[in-house]
Amino acid sequence: MAQRVKFLIERHADGYVAYPLGLRRGVAVVGQGGTYQDALTDAVSALRFTLDALPEGEVFDEDYTAQEVFVAEAEVPVSAEVPR
């Protein structure tokens, strides 16, 4: 059985990094590669490895319901002082 999974893919100066969305807190899966497709393929492989090691119910967040995922950029003022 196959499940549709959304991935966030970032382009960096030295390649791409891919992250599957909808995972439970504490579960981390990352893929990387020189191309978009290489990073996606690596992330899918890493997710399959994780699913082989853990039951599906321990990997995916059952409350994750995003139908679409958007990436936005915004300016955020940052204070020079960090409150302690």
Protein backbone atom coordinates (compact mmCIF):
# COMPACT_ATOMS: atom_id res chain seq x y z
CA MET A 1 0.00 0.00 0.00
CA ALA A 2 1.31 3.46 -0.86
CA GLN A 3 0.63 6.73 0.93
CA ARG A 4 0.89 10.21 -0.59
CA VAL A 5 3.36 12.32 1.39
CA LYS A 6 4.16 16.00 0.88
CA PHE A 7 7.82 17.05 0.97
CA LEU A 8 9.40 20.45 1.52
CA ILE A 9 12.47 20.85 -0.68
CA GLU A 10 15.04 23.60 -0.15
CA ARG A 11 17.64 24.70 -2.69
CA HIS A 12 21.00 25.70 -1.24
CA ALA A 13 24.22 26.85 -2.90
CA ASP A 14 25.64 23.33 -2.67
CA GLY A 15 22.52 21.24 -3.42
CA TYR A 16 19.03 20.41 -2.18
CA VAL A 17 17.53 19.22 1.11
CA ALA A 18 14.12 17.52 1.38
CA TYR A 19 11.88 16.96 4.42
CA PRO A 20 8.63 14.97 4.52
CA LEU A 21 5.72 16.81 6.15
CA GLY A 22 3.16 15.38 8.54
CA LEU A 23 5.50 13.43 10.80
CA ARG A 24 4.92 13.04 14.53
CA ARG A 25 6.87 15.24 16.91
CA GLY A 26 10.28 13.70 17.54
CA VAL A 27 10.45 11.88 14.18
CA ALA A 28 12.96 13.44 11.80
CA VAL A 29 13.64 12.37 8.22
CA VAL A 30 15.88 14.35 5.85
CA GLY A 31 17.17 13.71 2.35
CA GLN A 32 19.84 15.57 0.42
CA GLY A 33 21.33 15.59 -3.03
CA GLY A 34 22.92 17.60 -5.79
CA THR A 35 19.60 17.94 -7.62
CA TYR A 36 15.96 18.39 -6.65
CA GLN A 37 15.18 14.81 -7.72
CA ASP A 38 18.21 13.37 -5.88
CA ALA A 39 17.12 15.05 -2.63
CA LEU A 40 13.52 13.85 -3.05
CA THR A 41 14.66 10.30 -3.84
CA ASP A 42 16.96 10.32 -0.80
CA ALA A 43 14.16 11.60 1.47
CA VAL A 44 11.73 8.95 0.18
CA SER A 45 14.37 6.29 0.84
CA ALA A 46 14.98 7.62 4.36
CA LEU A 47 11.24 7.67 5.04
CA ARG A 48 10.87 4.08 3.81
CA PHE A 49 13.74 3.07 6.13
CA THR A 50 12.01 4.82 9.04
CA LEU A 51 8.70 3.09 8.23
CA ASP A 52 10.50 -0.27 8.18
CA ALA A 53 11.89 0.46 11.65
CA LEU A 54 8.75 1.90 13.27
CA PRO A 55 5.02 1.20 12.96
CA GLU A 56 3.27 3.69 10.65
CA GLY A 57 1.25 5.04 13.60
CA GLU A 58 4.49 6.11 15.29
CA VAL A 59 5.78 7.96 12.23
CA PHE A 60 2.87 10.00 10.87
CA ASP A 61 0.86 12.58 12.82
CA GLU A 62 -2.76 11.49 12.50
CA ASP A 63 -3.91 15.11 12.99
CA TYR A 64 -1.91 16.43 9.99
CA THR A 65 -4.49 17.54 7.43
CA ALA A 66 -2.75 20.00 5.08
CA GLN A 67 -4.10 19.74 1.57
CA GLU A 68 -1.58 22.21 0.15
CA VAL A 69 1.69 23.59 1.46
CA PHE A 70 2.95 27.10 0.73
CA VAL A 71 6.28 28.73 1.44
CA ALA A 72 6.25 32.43 2.26
CA GLU A 73 8.94 34.94 3.06
CA ALA A 74 8.43 37.90 5.39
CA GLU A 75 10.60 40.39 7.23
CA VAL A 76 10.58 39.90 10.99
CA PRO A 77 12.07 42.55 13.29
CA VAL A 78 14.67 40.99 15.55
CA SER A 79 15.73 42.66 18.77
CA ALA A 80 19.44 42.89 19.47
CA GLU A 81 18.76 41.85 23.06
CA VAL A 82 17.41 38.45 23.93
CA PRO A 83 15.26 38.43 27.08
CA ARG A 84 16.45 36.04 29.77
